Amino acid sequence: MTFKKCGKNISNYEISNINSNGIWIIINDYEYFINFKNYPEFKQANLNDIFLFEYNEPDHLYWEKLDIDIELDSLENPERFPLKFKKID
């Protein structure tokens, strides 16, 4: 028996892994890492809320329920973005 691939893959982004260090996201066959040290707002987030994100081409990630925006350039070149998340009480 042979299987044929039906249709075309329409999803060009997905979360591939989450562990205690951070989140790996694949976008257009390239893997990005979101480190919890640099983005601590994800650390306590509900997994369902982490998986519900939008990729707005060409370079913008958005988590509506978490109110988090990340530019891919900041993940590719973190040295160009020295400001880090700081929680205000």
PDB file of N, CA and C in Angstrom:
ATOM      1  N   MET A   1       0.843  -1.174   0.000  1.00  0.00           N
ATOM      2  CA  MET A   1       0.000   0.000   0.000  1.00  0.00           C
ATOM      3  C   MET A   1       0.892   1.243   0.000  1.00  0.00           C
ATOM      4  N   THR A   2       0.563   2.173  -0.822  1.00  0.00           N
ATOM      5  CA  THR A   2       1.308   3.430  -0.847  1.00  0.00           C
ATOM      6  C   THR A   2       0.390   4.570  -0.466  1.00  0.00           C
ATOM      7  N   PHE A   3       0.968   5.553   0.173  1.00  0.00           N
ATOM      8  CA  PHE A   3       0.220   6.725   0.591  1.00  0.00           C
ATOM      9  C   PHE A   3       0.676   7.920  -0.215  1.00  0.00           C
ATOM     10  N   LYS A   4      -0.255   8.739  -0.598  1.00  0.00           N
ATOM     11  CA  LYS A   4       0.071   9.971  -1.294  1.00  0.00           C
ATOM     12  C   LYS A   4      -0.255  11.144  -0.392  1.00  0.00           C
ATOM     13  N   LYS A   5       0.565  12.136  -0.474  1.00  0.00           N
ATOM     14  CA  LYS A   5       0.330  13.343   0.308  1.00  0.00           C
ATOM     15  C   LYS A   5      -0.840  14.104  -0.316  1.00  0.00           C
ATOM     16  N   CYS A   6      -1.838  14.355   0.483  1.00  0.00           N
ATOM     17  CA  CYS A   6      -3.013  15.063  -0.008  1.00  0.00           C
ATOM     18  C   CYS A   6      -2.853  16.559   0.212  1.00  0.00           C
ATOM     19  N   GLY A   7      -3.049  17.317  -0.792  1.00  0.00           N
ATOM     20  CA  GLY A   7      -3.047  18.763  -0.652  1.00  0.00           C
ATOM     21  C   GLY A   7      -1.676  19.342  -0.379  1.00  0.00           C
ATOM     22  N   LYS A   8      -1.700  20.584  -0.030  1.00  0.00           N
ATOM     23  CA  LYS A   8      -0.499  21.353   0.196  1.00  0.00           C
ATOM     24  C   LYS A   8      -0.470  21.812   1.640  1.00  0.00           C
ATOM     25  N   ASN A   9       0.704  21.820   2.249  1.00  0.00           N
ATOM     26  CA  ASN A   9       0.835  22.302   3.612  1.00  0.00           C
ATOM     27  C   ASN A   9       0.635  23.817   3.609  1.00  0.00           C
ATOM     28  N   ILE A  10      -0.441  24.276   4.254  1.00  0.00           N
ATOM     29  CA  ILE A  10      -0.744  25.698   4.245  1.00  0.00           C
ATOM     30  C   ILE A  10      -0.220  26.414   5.481  1.00  0.00           C
ATOM     31  N   SER A  11       0.251  25.662   6.465  1.00  0.00           N
ATOM     32  CA  SER A  11       0.778  26.258   7.683  1.00  0.00           C
ATOM     33  C   SER A  11       2.278  26.437   7.535  1.00  0.00           C
ATOM     34  N   ASN A  12       2.752  27.675   7.598  1.00  0.00           N
ATOM     35  CA  ASN A  12       4.175  27.914   7.468  1.00  0.00           C
ATOM     36  C   ASN A  12       4.810  28.281   8.812  1.00  0.00           C
ATOM     37  N   TYR A  13       4.081  28.011   9.893  1.00  0.00           N
ATOM     38  CA  TYR A  13       4.633  28.264  11.216  1.00  0.00           C
ATOM     39  C   TYR A  13       3.987  27.338  12.244  1.00  0.00           C
ATOM     40  N   GLU A  14       4.794  26.970  13.263  1.00  0.00           N
ATOM     41  CA  GLU A  14       4.287  26.115  14.333  1.00  0.00           C
ATOM     42  C   GLU A  14       5.256  26.127  15.506  1.00  0.00           C
ATOM     43  N   ILE A  15       4.733  25.852  16.673  1.00  0.00           N
ATOM     44  CA  ILE A  15       5.579  25.641  17.840  1.00  0.00           C
ATOM     45  C   ILE A  15       6.016  24.193  17.794  1.00  0.00           C
ATOM     46  N   SER A  16       7.328  23.974  17.804  1.00  0.00           N
ATOM     47  CA  SER A  16       7.837  22.610  17.687  1.00  0.00           C
ATOM     48  C   SER A  16       8.201  22.002  19.033  1.00  0.00           C
ATOM     49  N   ASN A  17       8.470  22.851  20.055  1.00  0.00           N
ATOM     50  CA  ASN A  17       8.857  22.304  21.352  1.00  0.00           C
ATOM     51  C   ASN A  17       8.731  23.391  22.425  1.00  0.00           C
ATOM     52  N   ILE A  18       8.395  22.956  23.616  1.00  0.00           N
ATOM     53  CA  ILE A  18       8.405  23.826  24.793  1.00  0.00           C
ATOM     54  C   ILE A  18       9.021  23.018  25.924  1.00  0.00           C
ATOM     55  N   ASN A  19      10.003  23.601  26.617  1.00  0.00           N
ATOM     56  CA  ASN A  19      10.548  22.944  27.797  1.00  0.00           C
ATOM     57  C   ASN A  19      10.829  23.997  28.865  1.00  0.00           C
ATOM     58  N   SER A  20      11.567  23.663  29.884  1.00  0.00           N
ATOM     59  CA  SER A  20      11.783  24.596  30.993  1.00  0.00           C
ATOM     60  C   SER A  20      12.667  25.780  30.621  1.00  0.00           C
ATOM     61  N   ASN A  21      13.327  25.723  29.461  1.00  0.00           N
ATOM     62  CA  ASN A  21      14.190  26.820  29.020  1.00  0.00           C
ATOM     63  C   ASN A  21      13.503  27.801  28.085  1.00  0.00           C
ATOM     64  N   GLY A  22      12.522  27.326  27.331  1.00  0.00           N
ATOM     65  CA  GLY A  22      11.871  28.219  26.391  1.00  0.00           C
ATOM     66  C   GLY A  22      11.030  27.511  25.348  1.00  0.00           C
ATOM     67  N   ILE A  23      10.798  28.226  24.260  1.00  0.00           N
ATOM     68  CA  ILE A  23       9.891  27.786  23.197  1.00  0.00           C
ATOM     69  C   ILE A  23      10.652  27.784  21.872  1.00  0.00           C
ATOM     70  N   TRP A  24      10.490  26.715  21.091  1.00  0.00           N
ATOM     71  CA  TRP A  24      11.044  26.661  19.742  1.00  0.00           C
ATOM     72  C   TRP A  24       9.894  26.811  18.761  1.00  0.00           C
ATOM     73  N   ILE A  25      10.070  27.723  17.823  1.00  0.00           N
ATOM     74  CA  ILE A  25       9.050  27.973  16.801  1.00  0.00           C
ATOM     75  C   ILE A  25       9.692  27.803  15.435  1.00  0.00           C
ATOM     76  N   ILE A  26       9.020  27.075  14.560  1.00  0.00           N
ATOM     77  CA  ILE A  26       9.486  26.923  13.184  1.00  0.00           C
ATOM     78  C   ILE A  26       8.639  27.823  12.301  1.00  0.00           C
ATOM     79  N   ILE A  27       9.325  28.665  11.538  1.00  0.00           N
ATOM     80  CA  ILE A  27       8.663  29.566  10.596  1.00  0.00           C
ATOM     81  C   ILE A  27       9.378  29.444   9.257  1.00  0.00           C
ATOM     82  N   ASN A  28       8.631  29.038   8.249  1.00  0.00           N
ATOM     83  CA  ASN A  28       9.199  28.881   6.904  1.00  0.00           C
ATOM     84  C   ASN A  28      10.498  28.072   6.932  1.00  0.00           C
ATOM     85  N   ASP A  29      10.475  26.927   7.598  1.00  0.00           N
ATOM     86  CA  ASP A  29      11.602  25.991   7.682  1.00  0.00           C
ATOM     87  C   ASP A  29      12.806  26.533   8.451  1.00  0.00           C
ATOM     88  N   TYR A  30      12.647  27.591   9.215  1.00  0.00           N
ATOM     89  CA  TYR A  30      13.719  28.125  10.049  1.00  0.00           C
ATOM     90  C   TYR A  30      13.264  28.075  11.501  1.00  0.00           C
ATOM     91  N   GLU A  31      14.146  27.614  12.393  1.00  0.00           N
ATOM     92  CA  GLU A  31      13.767  27.470  13.795  1.00  0.00           C
ATOM     93  C   GLU A  31      14.269  28.652  14.626  1.00  0.00           C
ATOM     94  N   TYR A  32      13.355  29.194  15.440  1.00  0.00           N
ATOM     95  CA  TYR A  32      13.664  30.293  16.357  1.00  0.00           C
ATOM     96  C   TYR A  32      13.477  29.803  17.784  1.00  0.00           C
ATOM     97  N   PHE A  33      14.264  30.388  18.705  1.00  0.00           N
ATOM     98  CA  PHE A  33      14.157  30.028  20.112  1.00  0.00           C
ATOM     99  C   PHE A  33      13.777  31.259  20.925  1.00  0.00           C
ATOM    100  N   ILE A  34      12.729  31.127  21.723  1.00  0.00           N
ATOM    101  CA  ILE A  34      12.304  32.184  22.642  1.00  0.00           C
ATOM    102  C   ILE A  34      12.689  31.724  24.037  1.00  0.00           C
ATOM    103  N   ASN A  35      13.723  32.328  24.578  1.00  0.00           N
ATOM    104  CA  ASN A  35      14.263  31.957  25.877  1.00  0.00           C
ATOM    105  C   ASN A  35      13.430  32.582  26.989  1.00  0.00           C
ATOM    106  N   PHE A  36      13.046  31.784  27.972  1.00  0.00           N
ATOM    107  CA  PHE A  36      12.265  32.303  29.092  1.00  0.00           C
ATOM    108  C   PHE A  36      13.038  33.346  29.900  1.00  0.00           C
ATOM    109  N   LYS A  37      14.371  33.298  29.861  1.00  0.00           N
ATOM    110  CA  LYS A  37      15.160  34.321  30.567  1.00  0.00           C
ATOM    111  C   LYS A  37      14.942  35.695  29.944  1.00  0.00           C
ATOM    112  N   ASN A  38      14.829  35.732  28.624  1.00  0.00           N
ATOM    113  CA  ASN A  38      14.619  37.002  27.921  1.00  0.00           C
ATOM    114  C   ASN A  38      13.149  37.375  27.803  1.00  0.00           C
ATOM    115  N   TYR A  39      12.270  36.387  27.881  1.00  0.00           N
ATOM    116  CA  TYR A  39      10.832  36.605  27.747  1.00  0.00           C
ATOM    117  C   TYR A  39      10.107  35.889  28.893  1.00  0.00           C
ATOM    118  N   PRO A  40      10.272  36.365  30.132  1.00  0.00           N
ATOM    119  CA  PRO A  40       9.718  35.663  31.296  1.00  0.00           C
ATOM    120  C   PRO A  40       8.193  35.626  31.344  1.00  0.00           C
ATOM    121  N   GLU A  41       7.525  36.485  30.577  1.00  0.00           N
ATOM    122  CA  GLU A  41       6.064  36.480  30.584  1.00  0.00           C
ATOM    123  C   GLU A  41       5.488  35.160  30.076  1.00  0.00           C
ATOM    124  N   PHE A  42       6.278  34.389  29.307  1.00  0.00           N
ATOM    125  CA  PHE A  42       5.826  33.083  28.835  1.00  0.00           C
ATOM    126  C   PHE A  42       5.923  31.997  29.906  1.00  0.00           C
ATOM    127  N   LYS A  43       6.811  32.182  30.861  1.00  0.00           N
ATOM    128  CA  LYS A  43       7.117  31.138  31.849  1.00  0.00           C
ATOM    129  C   LYS A  43       5.872  30.678  32.610  1.00  0.00           C
ATOM    130  N   GLN A  44       5.014  31.608  33.007  1.00  0.00           N
ATOM    131  CA  GLN A  44       3.817  31.258  33.776  1.00  0.00           C
ATOM    132  C   GLN A  44       2.560  31.162  32.911  1.00  0.00           C
ATOM    133  N   ALA A  45       2.724  31.324  31.609  1.00  0.00           N
ATOM    134  CA  ALA A  45       1.556  31.324  30.715  1.00  0.00           C
ATOM    135  C   ALA A  45       0.968  29.921  30.555  1.00  0.00           C
ATOM    136  N   ASN A  46      -0.314  29.885  30.319  1.00  0.00           N
ATOM    137  CA  ASN A  46      -1.036  28.654  30.025  1.00  0.00           C
ATOM    138  C   ASN A  46      -0.555  28.121  28.673  1.00  0.00           C
ATOM    139  N   LEU A  47      -0.337  26.812  28.565  1.00  0.00           N
ATOM    140  CA  LEU A  47       0.134  26.231  27.309  1.00  0.00           C
ATOM    141  C   LEU A  47      -0.803  26.529  26.139  1.00  0.00           C
ATOM    142  N   ASN A  48      -2.094  26.466  26.383  1.00  0.00           N
ATOM    143  CA  ASN A  48      -3.044  26.776  25.314  1.00  0.00           C
ATOM    144  C   ASN A  48      -2.847  28.189  24.792  1.00  0.00           C
ATOM    145  N   ASP A  49      -2.565  29.128  25.685  1.00  0.00           N
ATOM    146  CA  ASP A  49      -2.349  30.514  25.273  1.00  0.00           C
ATOM    147  C   ASP A  49      -1.040  30.677  24.505  1.00  0.00           C
ATOM    148  N   ILE A  50      -0.036  29.877  24.847  1.00  0.00           N
ATOM    149  CA  ILE A  50       1.226  29.936  24.109  1.00  0.00           C
ATOM    150  C   ILE A  50       1.038  29.418  22.689  1.00  0.00           C
ATOM    151  N   PHE A  51       0.270  28.340  22.546  1.00  0.00           N
ATOM    152  CA  PHE A  51       0.063  27.769  21.218  1.00  0.00           C
ATOM    153  C   PHE A  51      -0.842  28.632  20.332  1.00  0.00           C
ATOM    154  N   LEU A  52      -1.601  29.530  20.921  1.00  0.00           N
ATOM    155  CA  LEU A  52      -2.485  30.410  20.136  1.00  0.00           C
ATOM    156  C   LEU A  52      -1.763  31.702  19.792  1.00  0.00           C
ATOM    157  N   PHE A  53      -1.014  31.665  18.718  1.00  0.00           N
ATOM    158  CA  PHE A  53      -0.301  32.855  18.278  1.00  0.00           C
ATOM    159  C   PHE A  53      -0.481  33.040  16.783  1.00  0.00           C
ATOM    160  N   GLU A  54      -0.190  34.244  16.332  1.00  0.00           N
ATOM    161  CA  GLU A  54      -0.290  34.590  14.919  1.00  0.00           C
ATOM    162  C   GLU A  54       1.089  34.947  14.397  1.00  0.00           C
ATOM    163  N   TYR A  55       1.323  34.578  13.161  1.00  0.00           N
ATOM    164  CA  TYR A  55       2.540  35.008  12.474  1.00  0.00           C
ATOM    165  C   TYR A  55       2.108  35.934  11.360  1.00  0.00           C
ATOM    166  N   ASN A  56       2.464  37.189  11.490  1.00  0.00           N
ATOM    167  CA  ASN A  56       2.140  38.189  10.475  1.00  0.00           C
ATOM    168  C   ASN A  56       3.393  38.427   9.655  1.00  0.00           C
ATOM    169  N   GLU A  57       3.381  37.903   8.443  1.00  0.00           N
ATOM    170  CA  GLU A  57       4.554  38.000   7.589  1.00  0.00           C
ATOM    171  C   GLU A  57       4.891  39.458   7.319  1.00  0.00           C
ATOM    172  N   PRO A  58       6.139  39.811   7.181  1.00  0.00           N
ATOM    173  CA  PRO A  58       7.259  38.886   7.111  1.00  0.00           C
ATOM    174  C   PRO A  58       7.969  38.640   8.435  1.00  0.00           C
ATOM    175  N   ASP A  59       7.624  39.367   9.512  1.00  0.00           N
ATOM    176  CA  ASP A  59       8.511  39.246  10.673  1.00  0.00           C
ATOM    177  C   ASP A  59       7.886  39.522  12.035  1.00  0.00           C
ATOM    178  N   HIS A  60       6.636  39.211  12.209  1.00  0.00           N
ATOM    179  CA  HIS A  60       5.974  39.601  13.455  1.00  0.00           C
ATOM    180  C   HIS A  60       5.198  38.442  14.062  1.00  0.00           C
ATOM    181  N   LEU A  61       5.468  38.147  15.353  1.00  0.00           N
ATOM    182  CA  LEU A  61       4.724  37.138  16.107  1.00  0.00           C
ATOM    183  C   LEU A  61       3.843  37.848  17.124  1.00  0.00           C
ATOM    184  N   TYR A  62       2.628  37.338  17.305  1.00  0.00           N
ATOM    185  CA  TYR A  62       1.696  38.006  18.212  1.00  0.00           C
ATOM    186  C   TYR A  62       0.859  36.981  18.975  1.00  0.00           C
ATOM    187  N   TRP A  63       0.862  37.123  20.299  1.00  0.00           N
ATOM    188  CA  TRP A  63       0.025  36.319  21.192  1.00  0.00           C
ATOM    189  C   TRP A  63      -1.027  37.246  21.787  1.00  0.00           C
ATOM    190  N   GLU A  64      -2.231  37.196  21.256  1.00  0.00           N
ATOM    191  CA  GLU A  64      -3.290  38.119  21.668  1.00  0.00           C
ATOM    192  C   GLU A  64      -3.652  37.957  23.136  1.00  0.00           C
ATOM    193  N   LYS A  65      -3.890  36.727  23.581  1.00  0.00           N
ATOM    194  CA  LYS A  65      -4.312  36.511  24.971  1.00  0.00           C
ATOM    195  C   LYS A  65      -3.238  36.906  25.976  1.00  0.00           C
ATOM    196  N   LEU A  66      -1.975  36.826  25.570  1.00  0.00           N
ATOM    197  CA  LEU A  66      -0.869  37.179  26.453  1.00  0.00           C
ATOM    198  C   LEU A  66      -0.404  38.622  26.247  1.00  0.00           C
ATOM    199  N   ASP A  67      -0.920  39.274  25.213  1.00  0.00           N
ATOM    200  CA  ASP A  67      -0.526  40.636  24.851  1.00  0.00           C
ATOM    201  C   ASP A  67       0.990  40.738  24.669  1.00  0.00           C
ATOM    202  N   ILE A  68       1.527  39.823  23.848  1.00  0.00           N
ATOM    203  CA  ILE A  68       2.966  39.765  23.581  1.00  0.00           C
ATOM    204  C   ILE A  68       3.192  39.895  22.078  1.00  0.00           C
ATOM    205  N   ASP A  69       4.109  40.784  21.714  1.00  0.00           N
ATOM    206  CA  ASP A  69       4.552  40.975  20.331  1.00  0.00           C
ATOM    207  C   ASP A  69       6.056  40.739  20.286  1.00  0.00           C
ATOM    208  N   ILE A  70       6.499  39.987  19.303  1.00  0.00           N
ATOM    209  CA  ILE A  70       7.936  39.769  19.120  1.00  0.00           C
ATOM    210  C   ILE A  70       8.261  39.900  17.635  1.00  0.00           C
ATOM    211  N   GLU A  71       9.257  40.708  17.337  1.00  0.00           N
ATOM    212  CA  GLU A  71       9.767  40.806  15.974  1.00  0.00           C
ATOM    213  C   GLU A  71      10.801  39.708  15.786  1.00  0.00           C
ATOM    214  N   LEU A  72      10.774  39.019  14.655  1.00  0.00           N
ATOM    215  CA  LEU A  72      11.732  37.946  14.411  1.00  0.00           C
ATOM    216  C   LEU A  72      13.165  38.453  14.441  1.00  0.00           C
ATOM    217  N   ASP A  73      13.374  39.686  14.035  1.00  0.00           N
ATOM    218  CA  ASP A  73      14.714  40.258  14.046  1.00  0.00           C
ATOM    219  C   ASP A  73      15.302  40.257  15.457  1.00  0.00           C
ATOM    220  N   SER A  74      14.458  40.441  16.473  1.00  0.00           N
ATOM    221  CA  SER A  74      14.949  40.439  17.851  1.00  0.00           C
ATOM    222  C   SER A  74      15.380  39.038  18.298  1.00  0.00           C
ATOM    223  N   LEU A  75      14.833  37.999  17.661  1.00  0.00           N
ATOM    224  CA  LEU A  75      15.251  36.630  17.959  1.00  0.00           C
ATOM    225  C   LEU A  75      16.501  36.258  17.162  1.00  0.00           C
ATOM    226  N   GLU A  76      16.608  36.789  15.949  1.00  0.00           N
ATOM    227  CA  GLU A  76      17.765  36.510  15.101  1.00  0.00           C
ATOM    228  C   GLU A  76      18.996  37.292  15.552  1.00  0.00           C
ATOM    229  N   ASN A  77      18.793  38.525  16.015  1.00  0.00           N
ATOM    230  CA  ASN A  77      19.895  39.422  16.373  1.00  0.00           C
ATOM    231  C   ASN A  77      19.655  40.052  17.742  1.00  0.00           C
ATOM    232  N   PRO A  78      19.683  39.264  18.803  1.00  0.00           N
ATOM    233  CA  PRO A  78      19.355  39.803  20.130  1.00  0.00           C
ATOM    234  C   PRO A  78      20.291  40.921  20.586  1.00  0.00           C
ATOM    235  N   GLU A  79      21.528  40.939  20.088  1.00  0.00           N
ATOM    236  CA  GLU A  79      22.461  41.996  20.473  1.00  0.00           C
ATOM    237  C   GLU A  79      22.011  43.376  19.988  1.00  0.00           C
ATOM    238  N   ARG A  80      21.167  43.426  18.986  1.00  0.00           N
ATOM    239  CA  ARG A  80      20.654  44.704  18.479  1.00  0.00           C
ATOM    240  C   ARG A  80      19.455  45.204  19.282  1.00  0.00           C
ATOM    241  N   PHE A  81      18.975  44.375  20.222  1.00  0.00           N
ATOM    242  CA  PHE A  81      17.805  44.707  21.028  1.00  0.00           C
ATOM    243  C   PHE A  81      18.150  44.516  22.510  1.00  0.00           C
ATOM    244  N   PRO A  82      18.909  45.450  23.084  1.00  0.00           N
ATOM    245  CA  PRO A  82      19.386  45.263  24.465  1.00  0.00           C
ATOM    246  C   PRO A  82      18.320  45.421  25.543  1.00  0.00           C
ATOM    247  N   LEU A  83      17.216  46.065  25.234  1.00  0.00           N
ATOM    248  CA  LEU A  83      16.175  46.236  26.241  1.00  0.00           C
ATOM    249  C   LEU A  83      15.473  44.916  26.497  1.00  0.00           C
ATOM    250  N   LYS A  84      15.251  44.600  27.740  1.00  0.00           N
ATOM    251  CA  LYS A  84      14.609  43.351  28.117  1.00  0.00           C
ATOM    252  C   LYS A  84      13.304  43.631  28.848  1.00  0.00           C
ATOM    253  N   PHE A  85      12.456  42.635  28.889  1.00  0.00           N
ATOM    254  CA  PHE A  85      11.180  42.727  29.583  1.00  0.00           C
ATOM    255  C   PHE A  85      11.425  42.981  31.060  1.00  0.00           C
ATOM    256  N   LYS A  86      10.692  43.898  31.611  1.00  0.00           N
ATOM    257  CA  LYS A  86      10.777  44.184  33.048  1.00  0.00           C
ATOM    258  C   LYS A  86       9.369  44.352  33.566  1.00  0.00           C
ATOM    259  N   LYS A  87       9.002  43.532  34.517  1.00  0.00           N
ATOM    260  CA  LYS A  87       7.667  43.602  35.095  1.00  0.00           C
ATOM    261  C   LYS A  87       7.568  44.794  36.035  1.00  0.00           C
ATOM    262  N   ILE A  88       6.512  45.558  35.875  1.00  0.00           N
ATOM    263  CA  ILE A  88       6.270  46.701  36.740  1.00  0.00           C
ATOM    264  C   ILE A  88       5.153  46.321  37.700  1.00  0.00           C
ATOM    265  N   ASP A  89       5.431  46.438  38.992  1.00  0.00           N
ATOM    266  CA  ASP A  89       4.424  46.070  40.006  1.00  0.00           C
ATOM    267  C   ASP A  89       3.473  47.191  40.298  1.00  0.00           C
TER     268      ASP A  89
END
